[in-house]
């Protein structure tokens, strides 16, 4: 390695950890978008609608698609979500979580 390489002083383990973080950082948004699309298809959610924005997103989201992608991205950071996916496919775990949110919202509005 060259003298100016930022990786020269890293141990093998540190280098692997840094690479994992960088790869996950670039892959996670793509995975989140794919899972969000799958959940919207499974639940028959209109991506161009706005019904879910107030429960899943924030003021920066103007459609179900962007709110869902943001929400899925946050779910991917949740260690309990990773545990949920040991038993079922990620999109199934996401549908379950989405239904819990919507059930709570419906109960609160009743």
PDB file of N, CA and C in Angstrom:
ATOM      1  N   UNK A   1       0.840  -1.189   0.000  1.00  0.00           N
ATOM      2  CA  UNK A   1       0.000   0.000   0.000  1.00  0.00           C
ATOM      3  C   UNK A   1       0.879   1.244   0.000  1.00  0.00           C
ATOM      4  N   UNK A   2       0.335   2.309  -0.528  1.00  0.00           N
ATOM      5  CA  UNK A   2       1.091   3.558  -0.571  1.00  0.00           C
ATOM      6  C   UNK A   2       1.125   4.196   0.809  1.00  0.00           C
ATOM      7  N   UNK A   3       2.042   5.137   0.955  1.00  0.00           N
ATOM      8  CA  UNK A   3       2.175   5.834   2.240  1.00  0.00           C
ATOM      9  C   UNK A   3       0.942   6.639   2.590  1.00  0.00           C
ATOM     10  N   UNK A   4       0.178   7.064   1.590  1.00  0.00           N
ATOM     11  CA  UNK A   4      -0.984   7.919   1.817  1.00  0.00           C
ATOM     12  C   UNK A   4      -2.282   7.138   1.975  1.00  0.00           C
ATOM     13  N   UNK A   5      -2.229   5.845   1.977  1.00  0.00           N
ATOM     14  CA  UNK A   5      -3.437   5.025   2.052  1.00  0.00           C
ATOM     15  C   UNK A   5      -4.073   5.112   3.433  1.00  0.00           C
ATOM     16  N   UNK A   6      -5.377   5.416   3.510  1.00  0.00           N
ATOM     17  CA  UNK A   6      -6.051   5.480   4.812  1.00  0.00           C
ATOM     18  C   UNK A   6      -6.256   4.089   5.419  1.00  0.00           C
ATOM     19  N   UNK A   7      -6.038   3.046   4.632  1.00  0.00           N
ATOM     20  CA  UNK A   7      -6.268   1.687   5.108  1.00  0.00           C
ATOM     21  C   UNK A   7      -5.019   1.041   5.702  1.00  0.00           C
ATOM     22  N   UNK A   8      -3.863   1.662   5.507  1.00  0.00           N
ATOM     23  CA  UNK A   8      -2.610   1.059   5.916  1.00  0.00           C
ATOM     24  C   UNK A   8      -2.547   0.814   7.420  1.00  0.00           C
ATOM     25  N   UNK A   9      -3.078   1.718   8.224  1.00  0.00           N
ATOM     26  CA  UNK A   9      -2.983   1.606   9.675  1.00  0.00           C
ATOM     27  C   UNK A   9      -4.081   0.734  10.271  1.00  0.00           C
ATOM     28  N   UNK A  10      -5.010   0.245   9.460  1.00  0.00           N
ATOM     29  CA  UNK A  10      -6.121  -0.551   9.978  1.00  0.00           C
ATOM     30  C   UNK A  10      -5.741  -2.016  10.122  1.00  0.00           C
ATOM     31  N   UNK A  11      -6.263  -2.631  11.160  1.00  0.00           N
ATOM     32  CA  UNK A  11      -6.105  -4.083  11.283  1.00  0.00           C
ATOM     33  C   UNK A  11      -7.052  -4.740  10.286  1.00  0.00           C
ATOM     34  N   UNK A  12      -6.872  -5.999  10.079  1.00  0.00           N
ATOM     35  CA  UNK A  12      -7.745  -6.748   9.157  1.00  0.00           C
ATOM     36  C   UNK A  12      -9.204  -6.624   9.591  1.00  0.00           C
ATOM     37  N   UNK A  13      -9.462  -6.782  10.881  1.00  0.00           N
ATOM     38  CA  UNK A  13     -10.821  -6.708  11.411  1.00  0.00           C
ATOM     39  C   UNK A  13     -11.421  -5.316  11.211  1.00  0.00           C
ATOM     40  N   UNK A  14     -10.625  -4.285  11.441  1.00  0.00           N
ATOM     41  CA  UNK A  14     -11.110  -2.915  11.246  1.00  0.00           C
ATOM     42  C   UNK A  14     -11.425  -2.648   9.781  1.00  0.00           C
ATOM     43  N   UNK A  15     -10.586  -3.160   8.911  1.00  0.00           N
ATOM     44  CA  UNK A  15     -10.810  -2.993   7.476  1.00  0.00           C
ATOM     45  C   UNK A  15     -12.091  -3.697   7.046  1.00  0.00           C
ATOM     46  N   UNK A  16     -12.298  -4.913   7.519  1.00  0.00           N
ATOM     47  CA  UNK A  16     -13.522  -5.655   7.189  1.00  0.00           C
ATOM     48  C   UNK A  16     -14.740  -4.917   7.709  1.00  0.00           C
ATOM     49  N   UNK A  17     -14.667  -4.426   8.941  1.00  0.00           N
ATOM     50  CA  UNK A  17     -15.802  -3.689   9.514  1.00  0.00           C
ATOM     51  C   UNK A  17     -16.097  -2.427   8.708  1.00  0.00           C
ATOM     52  N   UNK A  18     -15.067  -1.700   8.325  1.00  0.00           N
ATOM     53  CA  UNK A  18     -15.265  -0.479   7.537  1.00  0.00           C
ATOM     54  C   UNK A  18     -15.905  -0.797   6.190  1.00  0.00           C
ATOM     55  N   UNK A  19     -15.436  -1.858   5.550  1.00  0.00           N
ATOM     56  CA  UNK A  19     -15.999  -2.248   4.262  1.00  0.00           C
ATOM     57  C   UNK A  19     -17.455  -2.687   4.400  1.00  0.00           C
ATOM     58  N   UNK A  20     -17.766  -3.435   5.472  1.00  0.00           N
ATOM     59  CA  UNK A  20     -19.151  -3.856   5.693  1.00  0.00           C
ATOM     60  C   UNK A  20     -20.062  -2.649   5.868  1.00  0.00           C
ATOM     61  N   UNK A  21     -19.616  -1.664   6.615  1.00  0.00           N
ATOM     62  CA  UNK A  21     -20.407  -0.453   6.837  1.00  0.00           C
ATOM     63  C   UNK A  21     -20.628   0.275   5.520  1.00  0.00           C
ATOM     64  N   UNK A  22     -19.579   0.393   4.712  1.00  0.00           N
ATOM     65  CA  UNK A  22     -19.702   1.088   3.435  1.00  0.00           C
ATOM     66  C   UNK A  22     -20.612   0.343   2.463  1.00  0.00           C
ATOM     67  N   UNK A  23     -20.478  -0.969   2.404  1.00  0.00           N
ATOM     68  CA  UNK A  23     -21.326  -1.765   1.507  1.00  0.00           C
ATOM     69  C   UNK A  23     -22.774  -1.695   1.967  1.00  0.00           C
ATOM     70  N   UNK A  24     -23.017  -1.871   3.259  1.00  0.00           N
ATOM     71  CA  UNK A  24     -24.386  -1.812   3.779  1.00  0.00           C
ATOM     72  C   UNK A  24     -24.976  -0.430   3.555  1.00  0.00           C
ATOM     73  N   UNK A  25     -24.149   0.604   3.735  1.00  0.00           N
ATOM     74  CA  UNK A  25     -24.620   1.974   3.540  1.00  0.00           C
ATOM     75  C   UNK A  25     -25.108   2.239   2.124  1.00  0.00           C
ATOM     76  N   UNK A  26     -24.483   1.624   1.159  1.00  0.00           N
ATOM     77  CA  UNK A  26     -24.924   1.830  -0.222  1.00  0.00           C
ATOM     78  C   UNK A  26     -25.994   0.826  -0.644  1.00  0.00           C
ATOM     79  N   UNK A  27     -26.028  -0.343  -0.033  1.00  0.00           N
ATOM     80  CA  UNK A  27     -27.014  -1.367  -0.409  1.00  0.00           C
ATOM     81  C   UNK A  27     -28.356  -1.187   0.306  1.00  0.00           C
ATOM     82  N   UNK A  28     -28.324  -0.633   1.513  1.00  0.00           N
ATOM     83  CA  UNK A  28     -29.548  -0.535   2.310  1.00  0.00           C
ATOM     84  C   UNK A  28     -30.660   0.266   1.642  1.00  0.00           C
ATOM     85  N   UNK A  29     -30.391   1.447   1.069  1.00  0.00           N
ATOM     86  CA  UNK A  29     -31.482   2.179   0.419  1.00  0.00           C
ATOM     87  C   UNK A  29     -32.106   1.414  -0.751  1.00  0.00           C
ATOM     88  N   UNK A  30     -31.284   0.687  -1.481  1.00  0.00           N
ATOM     89  CA  UNK A  30     -31.795  -0.114  -2.599  1.00  0.00           C
ATOM     90  C   UNK A  30     -32.678  -1.239  -2.073  1.00  0.00           C
ATOM     91  N   UNK A  31     -32.206  -1.921  -1.032  1.00  0.00           N
ATOM     92  CA  UNK A  31     -32.993  -2.988  -0.422  1.00  0.00           C
ATOM     93  C   UNK A  31     -34.290  -2.432   0.158  1.00  0.00           C
ATOM     94  N   UNK A  32     -34.212  -1.295   0.828  1.00  0.00           N
ATOM     95  CA  UNK A  32     -35.405  -0.677   1.419  1.00  0.00           C
ATOM     96  C   UNK A  32     -36.439  -0.359   0.348  1.00  0.00           C
ATOM     97  N   UNK A  33     -35.991   0.171  -0.778  1.00  0.00           N
ATOM     98  CA  UNK A  33     -36.920   0.505  -1.869  1.00  0.00           C
ATOM     99  C   UNK A  33     -37.570  -0.754  -2.435  1.00  0.00           C
ATOM    100  N   UNK A  34     -36.786  -1.805  -2.631  1.00  0.00           N
ATOM    101  CA  UNK A  34     -37.336  -3.059  -3.162  1.00  0.00           C
ATOM    102  C   UNK A  34     -38.354  -3.667  -2.193  1.00  0.00           C
ATOM    103  N   UNK A  35     -38.016  -3.664  -0.915  1.00  0.00           N
ATOM    104  CA  UNK A  35     -38.952  -4.208   0.081  1.00  0.00           C
ATOM    105  C   UNK A  35     -40.201  -3.337   0.185  1.00  0.00           C
ATOM    106  N   UNK A  36     -40.033  -2.026   0.125  1.00  0.00           N
ATOM    107  CA  UNK A  36     -41.186  -1.123   0.179  1.00  0.00           C
ATOM    108  C   UNK A  36     -42.121  -1.392  -0.993  1.00  0.00           C
ATOM    109  N   UNK A  37     -41.555  -1.562  -2.172  1.00  0.00           N
ATOM    110  CA  UNK A  37     -42.379  -1.867  -3.350  1.00  0.00           C
ATOM    111  C   UNK A  37     -43.111  -3.189  -3.173  1.00  0.00           C
ATOM    112  N   UNK A  38     -42.434  -4.172  -2.615  1.00  0.00           N
ATOM    113  CA  UNK A  38     -43.049  -5.487  -2.407  1.00  0.00           C
ATOM    114  C   UNK A  38     -44.196  -5.396  -1.399  1.00  0.00           C
ATOM    115  N   UNK A  39     -43.985  -4.673  -0.307  1.00  0.00           N
ATOM    116  CA  UNK A  39     -45.034  -4.511   0.706  1.00  0.00           C
ATOM    117  C   UNK A  39     -46.236  -3.778   0.109  1.00  0.00           C
ATOM    118  N   UNK A  40     -45.984  -2.730  -0.664  1.00  0.00           N
ATOM    119  CA  UNK A  40     -47.097  -1.991  -1.267  1.00  0.00           C
ATOM    120  C   UNK A  40     -47.875  -2.882  -2.239  1.00  0.00           C
ATOM    121  N   UNK A  41     -47.179  -3.740  -2.968  1.00  0.00           N
ATOM    122  CA  UNK A  41     -47.854  -4.672  -3.871  1.00  0.00           C
ATOM    123  C   UNK A  41     -48.675  -5.678  -3.077  1.00  0.00           C
ATOM    124  N   UNK A  42     -48.091  -6.258  -2.049  1.00  0.00           N
ATOM    125  CA  UNK A  42     -48.799  -7.253  -1.233  1.00  0.00           C
ATOM    126  C   UNK A  42     -50.037  -6.665  -0.557  1.00  0.00           C
ATOM    127  N   UNK A  43     -49.935  -5.424  -0.111  1.00  0.00           N
ATOM    128  CA  UNK A  43     -51.021  -4.773   0.623  1.00  0.00           C
ATOM    129  C   UNK A  43     -51.932  -3.943  -0.289  1.00  0.00           C
ATOM    130  N   UNK A  44     -51.642  -3.964  -1.588  1.00  0.00           N
ATOM    131  CA  UNK A  44     -52.427  -3.197  -2.563  1.00  0.00           C
ATOM    132  C   UNK A  44     -52.490  -1.710  -2.196  1.00  0.00           C
ATOM    133  N   UNK A  45     -51.326  -1.158  -1.879  1.00  0.00           N
ATOM    134  CA  UNK A  45     -51.200   0.254  -1.515  1.00  0.00           C
ATOM    135  C   UNK A  45     -50.820   1.038  -2.761  1.00  0.00           C
ATOM    136  N   UNK A  46     -51.529   2.115  -3.014  1.00  0.00           N
ATOM    137  CA  UNK A  46     -51.235   2.983  -4.144  1.00  0.00           C
ATOM    138  C   UNK A  46     -49.968   3.789  -3.827  1.00  0.00           C
ATOM    139  N   UNK A  47     -48.885   3.564  -4.569  1.00  0.00           N
ATOM    140  CA  UNK A  47     -47.649   4.292  -4.290  1.00  0.00           C
ATOM    141  C   UNK A  47     -47.781   5.804  -4.442  1.00  0.00           C
ATOM    142  N   UNK A  48     -48.685   6.245  -5.298  1.00  0.00           N
ATOM    143  CA  UNK A  48     -48.866   7.680  -5.532  1.00  0.00           C
ATOM    144  C   UNK A  48     -49.833   8.316  -4.543  1.00  0.00           C
ATOM    145  N   UNK A  49     -50.501   7.491  -3.744  1.00  0.00           N
ATOM    146  CA  UNK A  49     -51.419   8.011  -2.740  1.00  0.00           C
ATOM    147  C   UNK A  49     -50.670   8.647  -1.583  1.00  0.00           C
ATOM    148  N   UNK A  50     -51.426   9.172  -0.632  1.00  0.00           N
ATOM    149  CA  UNK A  50     -50.813   9.844   0.524  1.00  0.00           C
ATOM    150  C   UNK A  50     -51.371   9.343   1.857  1.00  0.00           C
ATOM    151  N   UNK A  51     -52.143   8.279   1.826  1.00  0.00           N
ATOM    152  CA  UNK A  51     -52.835   7.803   3.025  1.00  0.00           C
ATOM    153  C   UNK A  51     -51.882   7.423   4.163  1.00  0.00           C
ATOM    154  N   UNK A  52     -50.711   6.917   3.842  1.00  0.00           N
ATOM    155  CA  UNK A  52     -49.791   6.416   4.861  1.00  0.00           C
ATOM    156  C   UNK A  52     -48.737   7.425   5.294  1.00  0.00           C
ATOM    157  N   UNK A  53     -48.669   8.544   4.608  1.00  0.00           N
ATOM    158  CA  UNK A  53     -47.598   9.511   4.870  1.00  0.00           C
ATOM    159  C   UNK A  53     -47.571   9.935   6.333  1.00  0.00           C
ATOM    160  N   UNK A  54     -48.717  10.255   6.891  1.00  0.00           N
ATOM    161  CA  UNK A  54     -48.738  10.756   8.270  1.00  0.00           C
ATOM    162  C   UNK A  54     -48.363   9.702   9.305  1.00  0.00           C
ATOM    163  N   UNK A  55     -48.487   8.422   8.967  1.00  0.00           N
ATOM    164  CA  UNK A  55     -48.150   7.373   9.939  1.00  0.00           C
ATOM    165  C   UNK A  55     -46.756   6.803   9.729  1.00  0.00           C
ATOM    166  N   UNK A  56     -46.261   6.849   8.512  1.00  0.00           N
ATOM    167  CA  UNK A  56     -44.972   6.226   8.222  1.00  0.00           C
ATOM    168  C   UNK A  56     -43.855   7.217   7.939  1.00  0.00           C
ATOM    169  N   UNK A  57     -44.197   8.394   7.462  1.00  0.00           N
ATOM    170  CA  UNK A  57     -43.182   9.338   7.028  1.00  0.00           C
ATOM    171  C   UNK A  57     -43.159  10.589   7.865  1.00  0.00           C
ATOM    172  N   UNK A  58     -42.718  11.646   7.222  1.00  0.00           N
ATOM    173  CA  UNK A  58     -42.703  12.958   7.852  1.00  0.00           C
ATOM    174  C   UNK A  58     -43.046  13.992   6.782  1.00  0.00           C
ATOM    175  N   UNK A  59     -42.864  15.242   7.098  1.00  0.00           N
ATOM    176  CA  UNK A  59     -43.268  16.311   6.186  1.00  0.00           C
ATOM    177  C   UNK A  59     -42.512  16.294   4.861  1.00  0.00           C
ATOM    178  N   UNK A  60     -41.382  15.614   4.811  1.00  0.00           N
ATOM    179  CA  UNK A  60     -40.613  15.571   3.564  1.00  0.00           C
ATOM    180  C   UNK A  60     -41.165  14.552   2.571  1.00  0.00           C
ATOM    181  N   UNK A  61     -42.087  13.725   3.001  1.00  0.00           N
ATOM    182  CA  UNK A  61     -42.660  12.695   2.139  1.00  0.00           C
ATOM    183  C   UNK A  61     -43.995  13.163   1.573  1.00  0.00           C
ATOM    184  N   UNK A  62     -44.126  12.966   0.272  1.00  0.00           N
ATOM    185  CA  UNK A  62     -45.328  13.445  -0.401  1.00  0.00           C
ATOM    186  C   UNK A  62     -46.099  12.325  -1.082  1.00  0.00           C
ATOM    187  N   UNK A  63     -45.719  11.085  -0.785  1.00  0.00           N
ATOM    188  CA  UNK A  63     -46.436   9.953  -1.364  1.00  0.00           C
ATOM    189  C   UNK A  63     -46.249   8.736  -0.472  1.00  0.00           C
ATOM    190  N   UNK A  64     -47.146   7.778  -0.647  1.00  0.00           N
ATOM    191  CA  UNK A  64     -47.009   6.522   0.077  1.00  0.00           C
ATOM    192  C   UNK A  64     -45.672   5.856  -0.241  1.00  0.00           C
ATOM    193  N   UNK A  65     -45.222   5.974  -1.496  1.00  0.00           N
ATOM    194  CA  UNK A  65     -43.975   5.312  -1.915  1.00  0.00           C
ATOM    195  C   UNK A  65     -42.771   5.839  -1.139  1.00  0.00           C
ATOM    196  N   UNK A  66     -42.647   7.158  -1.029  1.00  0.00           N
ATOM    197  CA  UNK A  66     -41.489   7.696  -0.321  1.00  0.00           C
ATOM    198  C   UNK A  66     -41.595   7.472   1.187  1.00  0.00           C
ATOM    199  N   UNK A  67     -42.805   7.567   1.720  1.00  0.00           N
ATOM    200  CA  UNK A  67     -42.997   7.313   3.152  1.00  0.00           C
ATOM    201  C   UNK A  67     -42.706   5.854   3.480  1.00  0.00           C
ATOM    202  N   UNK A  68     -43.174   4.951   2.640  1.00  0.00           N
ATOM    203  CA  UNK A  68     -42.949   3.524   2.864  1.00  0.00           C
ATOM    204  C   UNK A  68     -41.463   3.190   2.778  1.00  0.00           C
ATOM    205  N   UNK A  69     -40.762   3.728   1.790  1.00  0.00           N
ATOM    206  CA  UNK A  69     -39.328   3.460   1.650  1.00  0.00           C
ATOM    207  C   UNK A  69     -38.559   3.966   2.870  1.00  0.00           C
ATOM    208  N   UNK A  70     -38.922   5.138   3.353  1.00  0.00           N
ATOM    209  CA  UNK A  70     -38.273   5.693   4.538  1.00  0.00           C
ATOM    210  C   UNK A  70     -38.556   4.830   5.771  1.00  0.00           C
ATOM    211  N   UNK A  71     -39.796   4.408   5.913  1.00  0.00           N
ATOM    212  CA  UNK A  71     -40.180   3.566   7.046  1.00  0.00           C
ATOM    213  C   UNK A  71     -39.446   2.227   6.986  1.00  0.00           C
ATOM    214  N   UNK A  72     -39.384   1.610   5.815  1.00  0.00           N
ATOM    215  CA  UNK A  72     -38.675   0.336   5.667  1.00  0.00           C
ATOM    216  C   UNK A  72     -37.196   0.539   5.994  1.00  0.00           C
ATOM    217  N   UNK A  73     -36.619   1.625   5.541  1.00  0.00           N
ATOM    218  CA  UNK A  73     -35.220   1.923   5.842  1.00  0.00           C
ATOM    219  C   UNK A  73     -34.982   1.959   7.349  1.00  0.00           C
ATOM    220  N   UNK A  74     -35.907   2.571   8.085  1.00  0.00           N
ATOM    221  CA  UNK A  74     -35.788   2.612   9.555  1.00  0.00           C
ATOM    222  C   UNK A  74     -35.965   1.228  10.162  1.00  0.00           C
ATOM    223  N   UNK A  75     -36.840   0.414   9.593  1.00  0.00           N
ATOM    224  CA  UNK A  75     -37.041  -0.933  10.102  1.00  0.00           C
ATOM    225  C   UNK A  75     -35.776  -1.774   9.948  1.00  0.00           C
ATOM    226  N   UNK A  76     -35.050  -1.547   8.861  1.00  0.00           N
ATOM    227  CA  UNK A  76     -33.814  -2.296   8.622  1.00  0.00           C
ATOM    228  C   UNK A  76     -32.747  -1.990   9.664  1.00  0.00           C
ATOM    229  N   UNK A  77     -32.856  -0.850  10.333  1.00  0.00           N
ATOM    230  CA  UNK A  77     -31.923  -0.491  11.404  1.00  0.00           C
ATOM    231  C   UNK A  77     -32.324  -1.079  12.749  1.00  0.00           C
ATOM    232  N   UNK A  78     -33.520  -1.595  12.850  1.00  0.00           N
ATOM    233  CA  UNK A  78     -34.046  -2.127  14.110  1.00  0.00           C
ATOM    234  C   UNK A  78     -33.554  -3.558  14.317  1.00  0.00           C
ATOM    235  N   UNK A  79     -32.776  -3.822  15.374  1.00  0.00           N
ATOM    236  CA  UNK A  79     -32.276  -5.185  15.594  1.00  0.00           C
ATOM    237  C   UNK A  79     -33.395  -6.204  15.817  1.00  0.00           C
ATOM    238  N   UNK A  80     -34.527  -5.760  16.333  1.00  0.00           N
ATOM    239  CA  UNK A  80     -35.653  -6.682  16.519  1.00  0.00           C
ATOM    240  C   UNK A  80     -36.241  -7.099  15.178  1.00  0.00           C
ATOM    241  N   UNK A  81     -36.159  -6.226  14.194  1.00  0.00           N
ATOM    242  CA  UNK A  81     -36.634  -6.594  12.863  1.00  0.00           C
ATOM    243  C   UNK A  81     -35.803  -7.743  12.311  1.00  0.00           C
ATOM    244  N   UNK A  82     -34.511  -7.694  12.515  1.00  0.00           N
ATOM    245  CA  UNK A  82     -33.657  -8.775  12.033  1.00  0.00           C
ATOM    246  C   UNK A  82     -34.030 -10.101  12.712  1.00  0.00           C
ATOM    247  N   UNK A  83     -34.416 -10.029  13.966  1.00  0.00           N
ATOM    248  CA  UNK A  83     -34.879 -11.242  14.655  1.00  0.00           C
ATOM    249  C   UNK A  83     -36.181 -11.741  14.030  1.00  0.00           C
ATOM    250  N   UNK A  84     -37.085 -10.817  13.693  1.00  0.00           N
ATOM    251  CA  UNK A  84     -38.354 -11.195  13.062  1.00  0.00           C
ATOM    252  C   UNK A  84     -38.130 -11.936  11.754  1.00  0.00           C
ATOM    253  N   UNK A  85     -37.089 -11.545  11.032  1.00  0.00           N
ATOM    254  CA  UNK A  85     -36.859 -12.138   9.712  1.00  0.00           C
ATOM    255  C   UNK A  85     -36.219 -13.515   9.784  1.00  0.00           C
ATOM    256  N   UNK A  86     -35.892 -13.972  10.961  1.00  0.00           N
ATOM    257  CA  UNK A  86     -35.398 -15.352  11.099  1.00  0.00           C
ATOM    258  C   UNK A  86     -36.527 -16.346  10.892  1.00  0.00           C
ATOM    259  N   UNK A  87     -37.745 -15.918  11.181  1.00  0.00           N
ATOM    260  CA  UNK A  87     -38.905 -16.812  11.100  1.00  0.00           C
ATOM    261  C   UNK A  87     -39.677 -16.671   9.803  1.00  0.00           C
ATOM    262  N   UNK A  88     -39.679 -15.459   9.233  1.00  0.00           N
ATOM    263  CA  UNK A  88     -40.449 -15.195   8.009  1.00  0.00           C
ATOM    264  C   UNK A  88     -39.636 -14.310   7.070  1.00  0.00           C
ATOM    265  N   UNK A  89     -40.083 -14.231   5.838  1.00  0.00           N
ATOM    266  CA  UNK A  89     -39.430 -13.362   4.855  1.00  0.00           C
ATOM    267  C   UNK A  89     -39.534 -11.907   5.297  1.00  0.00           C
ATOM    268  N   UNK A  90     -38.567 -11.082   4.921  1.00  0.00           N
ATOM    269  CA  UNK A  90     -38.592  -9.674   5.339  1.00  0.00           C
ATOM    270  C   UNK A  90     -39.882  -8.950   4.981  1.00  0.00           C
ATOM    271  N   UNK A  91     -40.427  -9.203   3.789  1.00  0.00           N
ATOM    272  CA  UNK A  91     -41.653  -8.494   3.411  1.00  0.00           C
ATOM    273  C   UNK A  91     -42.829  -8.920   4.287  1.00  0.00           C
ATOM    274  N   UNK A  92     -42.833 -10.153   4.744  1.00  0.00           N
ATOM    275  CA  UNK A  92     -43.905 -10.619   5.635  1.00  0.00           C
ATOM    276  C   UNK A  92     -43.764  -9.938   6.997  1.00  0.00           C
ATOM    277  N   UNK A  93     -42.548  -9.856   7.496  1.00  0.00           N
ATOM    278  CA  UNK A  93     -42.318  -9.166   8.777  1.00  0.00           C
ATOM    279  C   UNK A  93     -42.723  -7.694   8.666  1.00  0.00           C
ATOM    280  N   UNK A  94     -42.435  -7.073   7.535  1.00  0.00           N
ATOM    281  CA  UNK A  94     -42.816  -5.675   7.338  1.00  0.00           C
ATOM    282  C   UNK A  94     -44.324  -5.504   7.263  1.00  0.00           C
ATOM    283  N   UNK A  95     -45.008  -6.417   6.579  1.00  0.00           N
ATOM    284  CA  UNK A  95     -46.477  -6.359   6.511  1.00  0.00           C
ATOM    285  C   UNK A  95     -47.062  -6.475   7.911  1.00  0.00           C
ATOM    286  N   UNK A  96     -46.526  -7.370   8.710  1.00  0.00           N
ATOM    287  CA  UNK A  96     -47.013  -7.527  10.094  1.00  0.00           C
ATOM    288  C   UNK A  96     -46.825  -6.234  10.875  1.00  0.00           C
ATOM    289  N   UNK A  97     -45.659  -5.632  10.762  1.00  0.00           N
ATOM    290  CA  UNK A  97     -45.397  -4.384  11.479  1.00  0.00           C
ATOM    291  C   UNK A  97     -46.298  -3.259  10.983  1.00  0.00           C
ATOM    292  N   UNK A  98     -46.487  -3.194   9.684  1.00  0.00           N
ATOM    293  CA  UNK A  98     -47.369  -2.174   9.114  1.00  0.00           C
ATOM    294  C   UNK A  98     -48.790  -2.352   9.631  1.00  0.00           C
ATOM    295  N   UNK A  99     -49.262  -3.581   9.648  1.00  0.00           N
ATOM    296  CA  UNK A  99     -50.610  -3.845  10.148  1.00  0.00           C
ATOM    297  C   UNK A  99     -50.749  -3.479  11.621  1.00  0.00           C
ATOM    298  N   UNK A 100     -49.705  -3.688  12.412  1.00  0.00           N
ATOM    299  CA  UNK A 100     -49.748  -3.289  13.819  1.00  0.00           C
ATOM    300  C   UNK A 100     -49.913  -1.771  13.943  1.00  0.00           C
ATOM    301  N   UNK A 101     -49.179  -1.030  13.130  1.00  0.00           N
ATOM    302  CA  UNK A 101     -49.295   0.433  13.156  1.00  0.00           C
ATOM    303  C   UNK A 101     -50.698   0.861  12.765  1.00  0.00           C
ATOM    304  N   UNK A 102     -51.204   0.280  11.700  1.00  0.00           N
ATOM    305  CA  UNK A 102     -52.525   0.680  11.212  1.00  0.00           C
ATOM    306  C   UNK A 102     -53.627   0.257  12.181  1.00  0.00           C
ATOM    307  N   UNK A 103     -53.472  -0.898  12.818  1.00  0.00           N
ATOM    308  CA  UNK A 103     -54.458  -1.339  13.818  1.00  0.00           C
ATOM    309  C   UNK A 103     -54.482  -0.395  15.012  1.00  0.00           C
ATOM    310  N   UNK A 104     -53.298   0.024  15.472  1.00  0.00           N
ATOM    311  CA  UNK A 104     -53.225   0.965  16.589  1.00  0.00           C
ATOM    312  C   UNK A 104     -53.851   2.305  16.219  1.00  0.00           C
ATOM    313  N   UNK A 105     -53.590   2.747  15.004  1.00  0.00           N
ATOM    314  CA  UNK A 105     -54.146   4.009  14.521  1.00  0.00           C
ATOM    315  C   UNK A 105     -55.660   3.938  14.447  1.00  0.00           C
ATOM    316  N   UNK A 106     -56.160   2.824  13.925  1.00  0.00           N
ATOM    317  CA  UNK A 106     -57.608   2.648  13.811  1.00  0.00           C
ATOM    318  C   UNK A 106     -58.249   2.599  15.193  1.00  0.00           C
ATOM    319  N   UNK A 107     -57.620   1.895  16.132  1.00  0.00           N
ATOM    320  CA  UNK A 107     -58.159   1.805  17.493  1.00  0.00           C
ATOM    321  C   UNK A 107     -58.164   3.177  18.164  1.00  0.00           C
ATOM    322  N   UNK A 108     -57.137   3.958  17.933  1.00  0.00           N
ATOM    323  CA  UNK A 108     -57.048   5.296  18.545  1.00  0.00           C
ATOM    324  C   UNK A 108     -58.103   6.232  17.962  1.00  0.00           C
ATOM    325  N   UNK A 109     -58.485   6.010  16.730  1.00  0.00           N
ATOM    326  CA  UNK A 109     -59.471   6.868  16.086  1.00  0.00           C
ATOM    327  C   UNK A 109     -60.914   6.390  16.287  1.00  0.00           C
ATOM    328  N   UNK A 110     -61.085   5.267  16.947  1.00  0.00           N
ATOM    329  CA  UNK A 110     -62.445   4.723  17.160  1.00  0.00           C
ATOM    330  C   UNK A 110     -63.093   5.318  18.373  1.00  0.00           C
TER     331      UNK A 110
END
